[in-house]
Amino acid sequence: MNSLGGDCTELKKQYDACFNSWFTEHFLKGRHNDSLCAPIFKVYQDCVKRAMREQNIELRDIESEITTSEPQQEQQKHDHTKS
């Protein structure tokens, strides 16, 4: 999956590769220090924030959409279990 903003896609791939390696080689073996990927995550995060500003995307708008849709999803789950 590509990242928000074409410039961030390569950084996302690098972070994903680092995270997957850390998860399998460290986390699953009981070593939970996640600082290994922190530097690339910071660069990727800054890139995504810049892309959001350039596309006039506000994080609070996304958060409000998620918050608004959660009760609907819960209601759909509840309705489905009644059937």
PDB file of N, CA and C in Angstrom:
ATOM      1  N   MET A   1       0.842  -1.165   0.000  1.00  0.00           N
ATOM      2  CA  MET A   1       0.000   0.000   0.000  1.00  0.00           C
ATOM      3  C   MET A   1       0.893   1.236   0.000  1.00  0.00           C
ATOM      4  N   ASN A   2       0.546   2.193  -0.832  1.00  0.00           N
ATOM      5  CA  ASN A   2       1.297   3.439  -0.898  1.00  0.00           C
ATOM      6  C   ASN A   2       0.948   4.327   0.282  1.00  0.00           C
ATOM      7  N   SER A   3       1.820   5.259   0.526  1.00  0.00           N
ATOM      8  CA  SER A   3       1.617   6.196   1.616  1.00  0.00           C
ATOM      9  C   SER A   3       0.871   7.422   1.112  1.00  0.00           C
ATOM     10  N   LEU A   4       0.343   8.171   2.050  1.00  0.00           N
ATOM     11  CA  LEU A   4      -0.235   9.463   1.727  1.00  0.00           C
ATOM     12  C   LEU A   4       0.896  10.336   1.215  1.00  0.00           C
ATOM     13  N   GLY A   5       0.767  10.853   0.036  1.00  0.00           N
ATOM     14  CA  GLY A   5       1.843  11.659  -0.537  1.00  0.00           C
ATOM     15  C   GLY A   5       2.868  10.757  -1.191  1.00  0.00           C
ATOM     16  N   GLY A   6       3.027  10.895  -2.483  1.00  0.00           N
ATOM     17  CA  GLY A   6       3.944  10.041  -3.231  1.00  0.00           C
ATOM     18  C   GLY A   6       5.369  10.078  -2.721  1.00  0.00           C
ATOM     19  N   ASP A   7       5.778  11.222  -2.183  1.00  0.00           N
ATOM     20  CA  ASP A   7       7.147  11.348  -1.677  1.00  0.00           C
ATOM     21  C   ASP A   7       7.390  10.464  -0.459  1.00  0.00           C
ATOM     22  N   CYS A   8       6.327  10.054   0.206  1.00  0.00           N
ATOM     23  CA  CYS A   8       6.465   9.291   1.452  1.00  0.00           C
ATOM     24  C   CYS A   8       6.444   7.775   1.236  1.00  0.00           C
ATOM     25  N   THR A   9       6.119   7.321   0.049  1.00  0.00           N
ATOM     26  CA  THR A   9       5.946   5.889  -0.185  1.00  0.00           C
ATOM     27  C   THR A   9       7.224   5.103   0.072  1.00  0.00           C
ATOM     28  N   GLU A  10       8.356   5.599  -0.386  1.00  0.00           N
ATOM     29  CA  GLU A  10       9.615   4.885  -0.172  1.00  0.00           C
ATOM     30  C   GLU A  10       9.963   4.840   1.314  1.00  0.00           C
ATOM     31  N   LEU A  11       9.710   5.938   2.022  1.00  0.00           N
ATOM     32  CA  LEU A  11       9.945   5.955   3.469  1.00  0.00           C
ATOM     33  C   LEU A  11       9.042   4.953   4.178  1.00  0.00           C
ATOM     34  N   LYS A  12       7.798   4.849   3.719  1.00  0.00           N
ATOM     35  CA  LYS A  12       6.860   3.885   4.297  1.00  0.00           C
ATOM     36  C   LYS A  12       7.377   2.472   4.104  1.00  0.00           C
ATOM     37  N   LYS A  13       7.878   2.171   2.919  1.00  0.00           N
ATOM     38  CA  LYS A  13       8.418   0.838   2.643  1.00  0.00           C
ATOM     39  C   LYS A  13       9.607   0.537   3.552  1.00  0.00           C
ATOM     40  N   GLN A  14      10.473   1.537   3.747  1.00  0.00           N
ATOM     41  CA  GLN A  14      11.630   1.344   4.624  1.00  0.00           C
ATOM     42  C   GLN A  14      11.177   1.108   6.058  1.00  0.00           C
ATOM     43  N   TYR A  15      10.211   1.899   6.520  1.00  0.00           N
ATOM     44  CA  TYR A  15       9.717   1.724   7.886  1.00  0.00           C
ATOM     45  C   TYR A  15       9.033   0.363   8.042  1.00  0.00           C
ATOM     46  N   ASP A  16       8.192  -0.008   7.074  1.00  0.00           N
ATOM     47  CA  ASP A  16       7.510  -1.304   7.134  1.00  0.00           C
ATOM     48  C   ASP A  16       8.511  -2.449   7.220  1.00  0.00           C
ATOM     49  N   ALA A  17       9.578  -2.380   6.428  1.00  0.00           N
ATOM     50  CA  ALA A  17      10.601  -3.427   6.445  1.00  0.00           C
ATOM     51  C   ALA A  17      11.295  -3.470   7.806  1.00  0.00           C
ATOM     52  N   CYS A  18      11.610  -2.301   8.344  1.00  0.00           N
ATOM     53  CA  CYS A  18      12.250  -2.243   9.657  1.00  0.00           C
ATOM     54  C   CYS A  18      11.320  -2.798  10.725  1.00  0.00           C
ATOM     55  N   PHE A  19      10.059  -2.374  10.708  1.00  0.00           N
ATOM     56  CA  PHE A  19       9.100  -2.835  11.703  1.00  0.00           C
ATOM     57  C   PHE A  19       8.924  -4.351  11.627  1.00  0.00           C
ATOM     58  N   ASN A  20       8.755  -4.882  10.435  1.00  0.00           N
ATOM     59  CA  ASN A  20       8.561  -6.331  10.281  1.00  0.00           C
ATOM     60  C   ASN A  20       9.764  -7.107  10.805  1.00  0.00           C
ATOM     61  N   SER A  21      10.936  -6.606  10.521  1.00  0.00           N
ATOM     62  CA  SER A  21      12.153  -7.252  11.019  1.00  0.00           C
ATOM     63  C   SER A  21      12.212  -7.175  12.539  1.00  0.00           C
ATOM     64  N   TRP A  22      11.969  -5.978  13.092  1.00  0.00           N
ATOM     65  CA  TRP A  22      11.977  -5.819  14.553  1.00  0.00           C
ATOM     66  C   TRP A  22      10.944  -6.729  15.204  1.00  0.00           C
ATOM     67  N   PHE A  23       9.758  -6.788  14.630  1.00  0.00           N
ATOM     68  CA  PHE A  23       8.683  -7.581  15.215  1.00  0.00           C
ATOM     69  C   PHE A  23       9.057  -9.056  15.293  1.00  0.00           C
ATOM     70  N   THR A  24       9.567  -9.595  14.190  1.00  0.00           N
ATOM     71  CA  THR A  24       9.884 -11.025  14.178  1.00  0.00           C
ATOM     72  C   THR A  24      11.189 -11.354  14.898  1.00  0.00           C
ATOM     73  N   GLU A  25      12.179 -10.484  14.787  1.00  0.00           N
ATOM     74  CA  GLU A  25      13.494 -10.784  15.349  1.00  0.00           C
ATOM     75  C   GLU A  25      13.667 -10.318  16.797  1.00  0.00           C
ATOM     76  N   HIS A  26      12.818  -9.408  17.254  1.00  0.00           N
ATOM     77  CA  HIS A  26      12.974  -8.875  18.607  1.00  0.00           C
ATOM     78  C   HIS A  26      11.706  -9.068  19.442  1.00  0.00           C
ATOM     79  N   PHE A  27      10.618  -8.463  19.009  1.00  0.00           N
ATOM     80  CA  PHE A  27       9.390  -8.470  19.808  1.00  0.00           C
ATOM     81  C   PHE A  27       8.902  -9.880  20.118  1.00  0.00           C
ATOM     82  N   LEU A  28       8.833 -10.718  19.106  1.00  0.00           N
ATOM     83  CA  LEU A  28       8.339 -12.077  19.328  1.00  0.00           C
ATOM     84  C   LEU A  28       9.279 -12.919  20.185  1.00  0.00           C
ATOM     85  N   LYS A  29      10.492 -12.441  20.365  1.00  0.00           N
ATOM     86  CA  LYS A  29      11.462 -13.143  21.207  1.00  0.00           C
ATOM     87  C   LYS A  29      11.580 -12.497  22.585  1.00  0.00           C
ATOM     88  N   GLY A  30      10.616 -11.607  22.895  1.00  0.00           N
ATOM     89  CA  GLY A  30      10.560 -11.020  24.227  1.00  0.00           C
ATOM     90  C   GLY A  30      11.335  -9.738  24.411  1.00  0.00           C
ATOM     91  N   ARG A  31      11.956  -9.240  23.368  1.00  0.00           N
ATOM     92  CA  ARG A  31      12.707  -7.979  23.461  1.00  0.00           C
ATOM     93  C   ARG A  31      11.814  -6.870  22.914  1.00  0.00           C
ATOM     94  N   HIS A  32      11.284  -6.049  23.787  1.00  0.00           N
ATOM     95  CA  HIS A  32      10.252  -5.091  23.409  1.00  0.00           C
ATOM     96  C   HIS A  32      10.752  -3.673  23.188  1.00  0.00           C
ATOM     97  N   ASN A  33      12.042  -3.447  23.242  1.00  0.00           N
ATOM     98  CA  ASN A  33      12.588  -2.117  22.979  1.00  0.00           C
ATOM     99  C   ASN A  33      12.374  -1.796  21.498  1.00  0.00           C
ATOM    100  N   ASP A  34      11.538  -0.799  21.238  1.00  0.00           N
ATOM    101  CA  ASP A  34      11.180  -0.489  19.850  1.00  0.00           C
ATOM    102  C   ASP A  34      11.973   0.684  19.268  1.00  0.00           C
ATOM    103  N   SER A  35      13.104   1.016  19.862  1.00  0.00           N
ATOM    104  CA  SER A  35      13.881   2.154  19.382  1.00  0.00           C
ATOM    105  C   SER A  35      14.612   1.876  18.066  1.00  0.00           C
ATOM    106  N   LEU A  36      14.690   0.632  17.658  1.00  0.00           N
ATOM    107  CA  LEU A  36      15.403   0.263  16.433  1.00  0.00           C
ATOM    108  C   LEU A  36      14.887   1.039  15.218  1.00  0.00           C
ATOM    109  N   CYS A  37      13.591   1.164  15.091  1.00  0.00           N
ATOM    110  CA  CYS A  37      12.989   1.798  13.913  1.00  0.00           C
ATOM    111  C   CYS A  37      12.583   3.253  14.150  1.00  0.00           C
ATOM    112  N   ALA A  38      12.854   3.760  15.343  1.00  0.00           N
ATOM    113  CA  ALA A  38      12.418   5.116  15.683  1.00  0.00           C
ATOM    114  C   ALA A  38      12.943   6.185  14.726  1.00  0.00           C
ATOM    115  N   PRO A  39      14.204   6.142  14.309  1.00  0.00           N
ATOM    116  CA  PRO A  39      14.689   7.195  13.410  1.00  0.00           C
ATOM    117  C   PRO A  39      13.953   7.220  12.066  1.00  0.00           C
ATOM    118  N   ILE A  40      13.750   6.078  11.457  1.00  0.00           N
ATOM    119  CA  ILE A  40      13.057   6.058  10.158  1.00  0.00           C
ATOM    120  C   ILE A  40      11.582   6.388  10.342  1.00  0.00           C
ATOM    121  N   PHE A  41      10.999   5.992  11.486  1.00  0.00           N
ATOM    122  CA  PHE A  41       9.608   6.338  11.741  1.00  0.00           C
ATOM    123  C   PHE A  41       9.449   7.855  11.840  1.00  0.00           C
ATOM    124  N   LYS A  42      10.378   8.532  12.510  1.00  0.00           N
ATOM    125  CA  LYS A  42      10.319   9.986  12.662  1.00  0.00           C
ATOM    126  C   LYS A  42      10.366  10.671  11.299  1.00  0.00           C
ATOM    127  N   VAL A  43      11.259  10.234  10.428  1.00  0.00           N
ATOM    128  CA  VAL A  43      11.377  10.820   9.092  1.00  0.00           C
ATOM    129  C   VAL A  43      10.094  10.567   8.304  1.00  0.00           C
ATOM    130  N   TYR A  44       9.575   9.342   8.374  1.00  0.00           N
ATOM    131  CA  TYR A  44       8.326   8.997   7.677  1.00  0.00           C
ATOM    132  C   TYR A  44       7.159   9.811   8.227  1.00  0.00           C
ATOM    133  N   GLN A  45       7.071   9.918   9.541  1.00  0.00           N
ATOM    134  CA  GLN A  45       5.990  10.678  10.174  1.00  0.00           C
ATOM    135  C   GLN A  45       6.032  12.143   9.734  1.00  0.00           C
ATOM    136  N   ASP A  46       7.217  12.734   9.697  1.00  0.00           N
ATOM    137  CA  ASP A  46       7.346  14.123   9.248  1.00  0.00           C
ATOM    138  C   ASP A  46       6.894  14.272   7.802  1.00  0.00           C
ATOM    139  N   CYS A  47       7.221  13.305   6.967  1.00  0.00           N
ATOM    140  CA  CYS A  47       6.810  13.330   5.568  1.00  0.00           C
ATOM    141  C   CYS A  47       5.288  13.286   5.445  1.00  0.00           C
ATOM    142  N   VAL A  48       4.646  12.410   6.213  1.00  0.00           N
ATOM    143  CA  VAL A  48       3.188  12.291   6.172  1.00  0.00           C
ATOM    144  C   VAL A  48       2.537  13.577   6.673  1.00  0.00           C
ATOM    145  N   LYS A  49       3.070  14.147   7.728  1.00  0.00           N
ATOM    146  CA  LYS A  49       2.523  15.414   8.235  1.00  0.00           C
ATOM    147  C   LYS A  49       2.627  16.514   7.186  1.00  0.00           C
ATOM    148  N   ARG A  50       3.754  16.566   6.497  1.00  0.00           N
ATOM    149  CA  ARG A  50       3.941  17.565   5.438  1.00  0.00           C
ATOM    150  C   ARG A  50       2.932  17.338   4.306  1.00  0.00           C
ATOM    151  N   ALA A  51       2.737  16.072   3.920  1.00  0.00           N
ATOM    152  CA  ALA A  51       1.772  15.748   2.863  1.00  0.00           C
ATOM    153  C   ALA A  51       0.355  16.114   3.292  1.00  0.00           C
ATOM    154  N   MET A  52       0.038  15.903   4.552  1.00  0.00           N
ATOM    155  CA  MET A  52      -1.288  16.265   5.055  1.00  0.00           C
ATOM    156  C   MET A  52      -1.494  17.775   4.977  1.00  0.00           C
ATOM    157  N   ARG A  53      -0.466  18.543   5.355  1.00  0.00           N
ATOM    158  CA  ARG A  53      -0.578  20.007   5.263  1.00  0.00           C
ATOM    159  C   ARG A  53      -0.763  20.434   3.811  1.00  0.00           C
ATOM    160  N   GLU A  54       0.011  19.839   2.905  1.00  0.00           N
ATOM    161  CA  GLU A  54      -0.068  20.199   1.488  1.00  0.00           C
ATOM    162  C   GLU A  54      -1.434  19.877   0.894  1.00  0.00           C
ATOM    163  N   GLN A  55      -2.085  18.826   1.408  1.00  0.00           N
ATOM    164  CA  GLN A  55      -3.397  18.425   0.895  1.00  0.00           C
ATOM    165  C   GLN A  55      -4.542  18.954   1.762  1.00  0.00           C
ATOM    166  N   ASN A  56      -4.196  19.852   2.688  1.00  0.00           N
ATOM    167  CA  ASN A  56      -5.183  20.460   3.587  1.00  0.00           C
ATOM    168  C   ASN A  56      -6.005  19.417   4.340  1.00  0.00           C
ATOM    169  N   ILE A  57      -5.338  18.396   4.830  1.00  0.00           N
ATOM    170  CA  ILE A  57      -5.988  17.360   5.632  1.00  0.00           C
ATOM    171  C   ILE A  57      -5.660  17.639   7.094  1.00  0.00           C
ATOM    172  N   GLU A  58      -6.682  17.804   7.896  1.00  0.00           N
ATOM    173  CA  GLU A  58      -6.503  18.043   9.322  1.00  0.00           C
ATOM    174  C   GLU A  58      -6.704  16.739  10.081  1.00  0.00           C
ATOM    175  N   LEU A  59      -5.791  16.423  10.980  1.00  0.00           N
ATOM    176  CA  LEU A  59      -5.893  15.193  11.762  1.00  0.00           C
ATOM    177  C   LEU A  59      -7.186  15.170  12.564  1.00  0.00           C
ATOM    178  N   ARG A  60      -7.603  16.295  13.095  1.00  0.00           N
ATOM    179  CA  ARG A  60      -8.837  16.316  13.882  1.00  0.00           C
ATOM    180  C   ARG A  60     -10.045  15.960  13.025  1.00  0.00           C
ATOM    181  N   ASP A  61     -10.010  16.273  11.718  1.00  0.00           N
ATOM    182  CA  ASP A  61     -11.104  15.888  10.819  1.00  0.00           C
ATOM    183  C   ASP A  61     -11.162  14.373  10.680  1.00  0.00           C
ATOM    184  N   ILE A  62     -10.005  13.744  10.550  1.00  0.00           N
ATOM    185  CA  ILE A  62      -9.933  12.291  10.426  1.00  0.00           C
ATOM    186  C   ILE A  62     -10.392  11.642  11.720  1.00  0.00           C
ATOM    187  N   GLU A  63      -9.925  12.169  12.857  1.00  0.00           N
ATOM    188  CA  GLU A  63     -10.315  11.625  14.151  1.00  0.00           C
ATOM    189  C   GLU A  63     -11.818  11.733  14.362  1.00  0.00           C
ATOM    190  N   SER A  64     -12.409  12.855  13.934  1.00  0.00           N
ATOM    191  CA  SER A  64     -13.854  13.010  14.128  1.00  0.00           C
ATOM    192  C   SER A  64     -14.626  12.049  13.234  1.00  0.00           C
ATOM    193  N   GLU A  65     -14.125  11.767  12.038  1.00  0.00           N
ATOM    194  CA  GLU A  65     -14.768  10.786  11.167  1.00  0.00           C
ATOM    195  C   GLU A  65     -14.721   9.399  11.799  1.00  0.00           C
ATOM    196  N   ILE A  66     -13.602   9.054  12.393  1.00  0.00           N
ATOM    197  CA  ILE A  66     -13.463   7.752  13.043  1.00  0.00           C
ATOM    198  C   ILE A  66     -14.403   7.666  14.232  1.00  0.00           C
ATOM    199  N   THR A  67     -14.414   8.709  15.046  1.00  0.00           N
ATOM    200  CA  THR A  67     -15.271   8.725  16.234  1.00  0.00           C
ATOM    201  C   THR A  67     -16.738   8.636  15.839  1.00  0.00           C
ATOM    202  N   THR A  68     -17.112   9.317  14.778  1.00  0.00           N
ATOM    203  CA  THR A  68     -18.497   9.304  14.323  1.00  0.00           C
ATOM    204  C   THR A  68     -18.894   7.941  13.779  1.00  0.00           C
ATOM    205  N   SER A  69     -17.994   7.269  13.080  1.00  0.00           N
ATOM    206  CA  SER A  69     -18.335   5.990  12.463  1.00  0.00           C
ATOM    207  C   SER A  69     -18.290   4.829  13.448  1.00  0.00           C
ATOM    208  N   GLU A  70     -17.568   4.942  14.566  1.00  0.00           N
ATOM    209  CA  GLU A  70     -17.474   3.844  15.526  1.00  0.00           C
ATOM    210  C   GLU A  70     -18.826   3.444  16.100  1.00  0.00           C
ATOM    211  N   PRO A  71     -19.674   4.400  16.542  1.00  0.00           N
ATOM    212  CA  PRO A  71     -20.988   3.981  17.055  1.00  0.00           C
ATOM    213  C   PRO A  71     -21.830   3.271  15.998  1.00  0.00           C
ATOM    214  N   GLN A  72     -21.704   3.690  14.742  1.00  0.00           N
ATOM    215  CA  GLN A  72     -22.439   3.035  13.668  1.00  0.00           C
ATOM    216  C   GLN A  72     -21.960   1.602  13.493  1.00  0.00           C
ATOM    217  N   GLN A  73     -20.656   1.389  13.557  1.00  0.00           N
ATOM    218  CA  GLN A  73     -20.102   0.049  13.409  1.00  0.00           C
ATOM    219  C   GLN A  73     -20.542  -0.839  14.565  1.00  0.00           C
ATOM    220  N   GLU A  74     -20.537  -0.291  15.773  1.00  0.00           N
ATOM    221  CA  GLU A  74     -20.965  -1.067  16.932  1.00  0.00           C
ATOM    222  C   GLU A  74     -22.439  -1.440  16.808  1.00  0.00           C
ATOM    223  N   GLN A  75     -23.261  -0.502  16.331  1.00  0.00           N
ATOM    224  CA  GLN A  75     -24.681  -0.785  16.162  1.00  0.00           C
ATOM    225  C   GLN A  75     -24.884  -1.874  15.113  1.00  0.00           C
ATOM    226  N   GLN A  76     -24.104  -1.830  14.020  1.00  0.00           N
ATOM    227  CA  GLN A  76     -24.217  -2.854  12.987  1.00  0.00           C
ATOM    228  C   GLN A  76     -23.823  -4.226  13.541  1.00  0.00           C
ATOM    229  N   LYS A  77     -22.784  -4.278  14.383  1.00  0.00           N
ATOM    230  CA  LYS A  77     -22.381  -5.543  14.994  1.00  0.00           C
ATOM    231  C   LYS A  77     -23.500  -6.064  15.889  1.00  0.00           C
ATOM    232  N   HIS A  78     -24.080  -5.172  16.661  1.00  0.00           N
ATOM    233  CA  HIS A  78     -25.147  -5.539  17.578  1.00  0.00           C
ATOM    234  C   HIS A  78     -26.359  -6.049  16.812  1.00  0.00           C
ATOM    235  N   ASP A  79     -26.722  -5.337  15.739  1.00  0.00           N
ATOM    236  CA  ASP A  79     -27.870  -5.759  14.925  1.00  0.00           C
ATOM    237  C   ASP A  79     -27.631  -7.113  14.289  1.00  0.00           C
ATOM    238  N   HIS A  80     -26.397  -7.351  13.861  1.00  0.00           N
ATOM    239  CA  HIS A  80     -26.054  -8.610  13.192  1.00  0.00           C
ATOM    240  C   HIS A  80     -26.146  -9.796  14.163  1.00  0.00           C
ATOM    241  N   THR A  81     -25.770  -9.584  15.397  1.00  0.00           N
ATOM    242  CA  THR A  81     -25.812 -10.681  16.377  1.00  0.00           C
ATOM    243  C   THR A  81     -27.233 -11.015  16.803  1.00  0.00           C
ATOM    244  N   LYS A  82     -28.166 -10.099  16.606  1.00  0.00           N
ATOM    245  CA  LYS A  82     -29.561 -10.359  16.944  1.00  0.00           C
ATOM    246  C   LYS A  82     -30.227 -11.289  15.941  1.00  0.00           C
ATOM    247  N   SER A  83     -29.726 -11.298  14.719  1.00  0.00           N
ATOM    248  CA  SER A  83     -30.366 -12.087  13.641  1.00  0.00           C
ATOM    249  C   SER A  83     -30.240 -13.555  13.857  1.00  0.00           C
TER     250      SER A  83
END
